[in-house]
């Protein structure tokens, strides 16, 4: 717009000069030469007037251009300041949002950390409870097994002792029976005694009987019951 207006004014000025020249040329050809000086003066005045008008127009146009440029610079500066202020406000808003987001993120992270810690502690307590329960169960089972084993050992020992006692009793009974049988056999063994002697003899040909007048046969038990003792020669 600043370049178009001066070009338009220059074109208008030259157009005026062209028409003025044509007018002067026509007047010079058609009128006497005496009026040529007058028309030349008029033409010069017109040209000076047009030049002054053109100068004023150019000056006004320059002022308008400078004013427009200043206005543009002012508006550009204001727009720049506004843009800077807007950018600064947006930066502050973004910083506040980032700080708020960071605070929220930190709070969430802290909450998540606390939740994980509580969950881990709960899992640890649960695992410990399960371990204690398992240990108690194992201990109870081992105690039960130990008690059963002890009862079994006691019962086995009692049975073995009873068996040993029974065996001992049977052996004693057998021994007693054998001793009794042997004693009975011994007691029923025939011996020989005399009416005047005090000894019993197992052998009827014992030399202790050589001087006896009469020899009688009896059992060892009867002879011992009568007070007879064994012969010293046997």
Protein backbone atom coordinates (compact mmCIF):
# COMPACT_ATOMS: atom_id res chain seq x y z
CA UNK A 1 0.00 0.00 0.00
CA UNK A 2 2.92 2.43 0.78
CA UNK A 3 4.50 1.83 -2.67
CA UNK A 4 1.24 1.84 -4.68
CA UNK A 5 0.18 5.36 -3.60
CA UNK A 6 3.39 7.20 -4.74
CA UNK A 7 3.33 5.33 -8.06
CA UNK A 8 -0.26 6.41 -8.59
CA UNK A 9 0.61 10.03 -7.77
CA UNK A 10 3.64 10.01 -10.12
CA UNK A 11 1.49 8.60 -12.93
CA UNK A 12 -1.15 11.29 -12.28
CA UNK A 13 1.55 14.02 -12.33
CA UNK A 14 2.95 12.89 -15.69
CA UNK A 15 -0.57 12.56 -17.08
CA UNK A 16 -1.23 16.18 -16.06
CA UNK A 17 2.02 17.25 -17.69
CA UNK A 18 1.03 15.34 -20.87
CA UNK A 19 -2.40 16.96 -21.08
CA UNK A 20 -0.92 20.38 -20.21
CA UNK A 21 1.65 20.02 -22.98
CA UNK A 22 -1.07 19.02 -25.44
CA UNK A 23 -3.14 21.98 -24.37
CA UNK A 24 -0.22 24.36 -24.74
CA UNK A 25 0.69 22.87 -28.11
CA UNK A 26 -2.81 23.30 -29.41
CA UNK A 27 -3.02 26.84 -28.15
CA UNK A 28 0.33 27.76 -29.64
CA UNK A 29 -0.60 26.44 -33.07
CA UNK A 30 -4.00 28.07 -33.11
CA UNK A 31 -3.20 31.46 -31.44
CA UNK A 32 -0.80 34.24 -32.28
CA UNK A 33 2.72 34.05 -30.98
CA UNK A 34 2.23 37.04 -28.76
CA UNK A 35 0.25 35.01 -26.37
CA UNK A 36 2.89 32.32 -26.22
CA UNK A 37 4.67 33.96 -23.27
CA UNK A 38 1.45 34.18 -21.29
CA UNK A 39 0.61 30.57 -21.85
CA UNK A 40 4.16 29.61 -20.98
CA UNK A 41 3.89 31.47 -17.66
CA UNK A 42 0.53 29.82 -17.00
CA UNK A 43 2.03 26.46 -17.85
CA UNK A 44 4.96 27.08 -15.49
CA UNK A 45 2.61 28.10 -12.70
CA UNK A 46 0.54 25.02 -13.27
CA UNK A 47 3.68 22.89 -13.27
CA UNK A 48 4.97 24.52 -10.07
CA UNK A 49 1.60 24.11 -8.46
CA UNK A 50 1.47 20.54 -9.54
CA UNK A 51 5.05 20.06 -8.29
CA UNK A 52 4.16 21.61 -4.92
CA UNK A 53 1.03 19.49 -4.74
CA UNK A 54 3.11 16.46 -5.66
CA UNK A 55 5.70 17.39 -2.98
CA UNK A 56 3.00 17.79 -0.37
CA UNK A 57 1.41 14.59 -1.50
CA UNK A 58 4.76 12.79 -1.35
CA UNK A 59 5.48 14.31 2.08
CA UNK A 60 2.03 13.38 3.32
CA UNK A 61 2.44 9.94 1.84
CA UNK A 62 5.85 9.61 3.56
CA UNK A 63 4.38 10.75 6.84
CA UNK A 64 1.51 8.33 6.45
CA UNK A 65 4.01 5.62 5.56
CA UNK A 66 6.16 6.45 8.59
CA UNK A 67 3.06 6.66 10.77
CA UNK A 68 1.87 3.38 9.36
CA UNK A 69 5.30 1.81 9.94
CA UNK A 70 5.42 3.23 13.46
CA UNK A 71 1.90 2.01 14.04
CA UNK A 72 2.87 -1.36 12.61
CA UNK A 73 5.99 -1.40 14.75
CA UNK A 74 3.94 -0.43 17.79
CA UNK A 75 1.29 -3.04 17.00
CA UNK A 76 4.06 -5.58 16.27
CA UNK A 77 5.78 -4.67 19.55
CA UNK A 78 2.45 -4.88 21.39
CA UNK A 79 1.69 -8.16 19.67
CA UNK A 80 5.17 -9.41 20.55
CA UNK A 81 4.72 -8.28 24.16
CA UNK A 82 1.31 -9.89 24.22
CA UNK A 83 2.75 -13.05 22.69
CA UNK A 84 5.61 -12.97 25.20
CA UNK A 85 3.17 -12.44 28.04
CA UNK A 86 0.96 -15.23 26.70
CA UNK A 87 3.98 -17.52 26.29
CA UNK A 88 5.16 -16.64 29.81
CA UNK A 89 1.68 -17.27 31.22
CA UNK A 90 1.49 -20.54 29.32
CA UNK A 91 4.97 -21.45 30.58
CA UNK A 92 3.93 -20.66 34.16
CA UNK A 93 0.69 -22.62 33.68
CA UNK A 94 2.62 -25.52 32.17
CA UNK A 95 5.13 -25.38 35.06
CA UNK A 96 2.27 -25.36 37.56
CA UNK A 97 0.61 -28.28 35.75
CA UNK A 98 3.93 -30.14 35.62
CA UNK A 99 4.52 -29.45 39.32
CA UNK A 100 0.99 -30.57 40.14
CA UNK A 101 1.39 -33.65 37.96
CA UNK A 102 4.75 -34.35 39.61
CA UNK A 103 3.18 -33.96 43.07
CA UNK A 104 0.30 -36.25 42.08
CA UNK A 105 2.76 -38.75 40.60
CA UNK A 106 4.91 -38.63 43.75
CA UNK A 107 1.81 -39.05 45.93
CA UNK A 108 0.66 -42.00 43.82
CA UNK A 109 4.15 -43.51 43.94
CA UNK A 110 4.26 -43.06 47.74
CA UNK A 111 0.78 -44.57 48.08
CA UNK A 112 1.74 -47.46 45.82
CA UNK A 113 4.95 -47.98 47.79
CA UNK A 114 3.02 -48.01 51.08
CA UNK A 115 0.47 -50.40 49.59
CA UNK A 116 3.22 -52.69 48.35
CA UNK A 117 4.96 -52.53 51.72
CA UNK A 118 1.72 -53.36 53.54
CA UNK A 119 1.02 -56.16 51.09
CA UNK A 120 4.55 -57.54 51.53
CA UNK A 121 4.20 -57.32 55.32
CA UNK A 122 0.82 -59.06 55.14
CA UNK A 123 2.30 -61.77 52.94
CA UNK A 124 5.22 -62.12 55.36
CA UNK A 125 2.85 -62.44 58.34
CA UNK A 126 0.74 -64.93 56.44
CA UNK A 127 3.81 -66.94 55.43
CA UNK A 128 5.06 -66.85 59.03
CA UNK A 129 1.65 -67.99 60.29
CA UNK A 130 1.62 -70.82 57.76
CA UNK A 131 5.18 -71.72 58.73
CA UNK A 132 4.28 -71.72 62.46
CA UNK A 133 1.15 -73.76 61.79
CA UNK A 134 3.16 -76.18 59.66
CA UNK A 135 5.88 -76.39 62.31
CA UNK A 136 3.30 -76.99 65.02
CA UNK A 137 1.59 -79.61 62.87
CA UNK A 138 4.93 -81.29 62.14
CA UNK A 139 5.90 -81.08 65.82
CA UNK A 140 2.52 -82.51 66.83
CA UNK A 141 2.87 -85.28 64.27
CA UNK A 142 6.42 -85.98 65.40
CA UNK A 143 5.30 -85.94 69.04
CA UNK A 144 2.47 -88.31 68.18
CA UNK A 145 4.83 -90.55 66.27
CA UNK A 146 7.31 -90.40 69.17
CA UNK A 147 4.51 -91.23 71.63
CA UNK A 148 3.34 -94.08 69.40
CA UNK A 149 6.92 -95.30 69.05
CA UNK A 150 7.43 -95.00 72.79
CA UNK A 151 4.19 -96.89 73.42
CA UNK A 152 5.21 -99.49 70.88
CA UNK A 153 8.67 -99.78 72.46
CA UNK A 154 7.14 -100.00 75.94
CA UNK A 155 4.63 -102.56 74.74
CA UNK A 156 7.39 -104.46 72.95
CA UNK A 157 9.59 -104.31 76.02
CA UNK A 158 6.67 -105.35 78.21
CA UNK A 159 5.84 -108.19 75.83
CA UNK A 160 9.49 -109.18 75.68
CA UNK A 161 9.77 -108.98 79.47
CA UNK A 162 6.56 -110.95 79.85
CA UNK A 163 7.86 -113.45 77.33
CA UNK A 164 11.17 -113.63 79.19
CA UNK A 165 9.35 -114.01 82.49
CA UNK A 166 7.14 -116.68 80.98
CA UNK A 167 10.21 -118.37 79.55
CA UNK A 168 11.97 -118.05 82.88
CA UNK A 169 8.90 -119.39 84.67
CA UNK A 170 8.65 -122.19 82.16
CA UNK A 171 12.34 -122.90 82.57
CA UNK A 172 12.00 -122.80 86.34
CA UNK A 173 8.93 -124.97 86.13
CA UNK A 174 10.72 -127.31 83.79
CA UNK A 175 13.77 -127.26 86.02
CA UNK A 176 11.60 -127.82 89.05
CA UNK A 177 9.78 -130.55 87.25
CA UNK A 178 13.06 -132.08 86.17
CA UNK A 179 14.44 -131.65 89.67
CA UNK A 180 11.27 -133.09 91.10
CA UNK A 181 11.38 -135.93 88.63
CA UNK A 182 15.02 -136.43 89.33
CA UNK A 183 14.41 -136.13 93.04
CA UNK A 184 11.54 -138.53 92.75
CA UNK A 185 13.69 -140.80 90.67
CA UNK A 186 16.50 -140.46 93.20
CA UNK A 187 14.14 -140.88 96.12
CA UNK A 188 12.69 -143.96 94.57
CA UNK A 189 16.12 -145.45 93.89
CA UNK A 190 16.60 -148.74 95.73
CA UNK A 191 19.09 -148.78 98.57
CA UNK A 192 20.18 -151.42 101.02
CA UNK A 193 20.22 -151.10 104.78
CA UNK A 194 20.91 -153.32 107.80
CA UNK A 195 19.00 -153.63 111.05
CA UNK A 196 21.94 -152.57 113.16
CA UNK A 197 23.71 -150.14 110.76
CA UNK A 198 23.24 -146.42 110.14
CA UNK A 199 24.28 -146.33 106.51
CA UNK A 200 22.45 -147.02 103.25
CA UNK A 201 24.14 -148.61 100.32
CA UNK A 202 23.36 -148.37 96.61
CA UNK A 203 25.44 -151.45 95.81
CA UNK A 204 24.24 -154.69 97.44
CA UNK A 205 27.80 -155.98 97.21
CA UNK A 206 29.28 -152.95 99.01
CA UNK A 207 32.07 -154.00 101.38
CA UNK A 208 30.23 -152.14 104.13
CA UNK A 209 27.69 -154.97 104.05
CA UNK A 210 30.21 -157.78 104.42
CA UNK A 211 29.68 -158.17 108.18
CA UNK A 212 25.92 -157.64 108.11
CA UNK A 213 23.80 -160.60 109.13
CA UNK A 214 20.69 -159.42 107.33
CA UNK A 215 20.28 -156.88 104.48
CA UNK A 216 16.94 -155.35 103.51
CA UNK A 217 16.02 -153.30 100.39
CA UNK A 218 14.14 -150.01 100.60
CA UNK A 219 13.98 -146.67 98.78
CA UNK A 220 16.37 -143.80 99.26
CA UNK A 221 13.56 -141.65 100.58
CA UNK A 222 12.56 -144.14 103.17
CA UNK A 223 16.15 -144.71 104.20
CA UNK A 224 16.76 -140.97 104.53
CA UNK A 225 13.49 -140.64 106.41
CA UNK A 226 14.69 -143.27 108.90
CA UNK A 227 17.90 -141.35 109.48
CA UNK A 228 20.25 -143.41 107.36
CA UNK A 229 23.18 -141.69 105.65
CA UNK A 230 25.15 -142.69 102.58
CA UNK A 231 27.90 -145.21 102.92
CA UNK A 232 31.37 -143.74 102.98
CA UNK A 233 32.71 -146.43 100.69
CA UNK A 234 30.49 -145.35 97.84
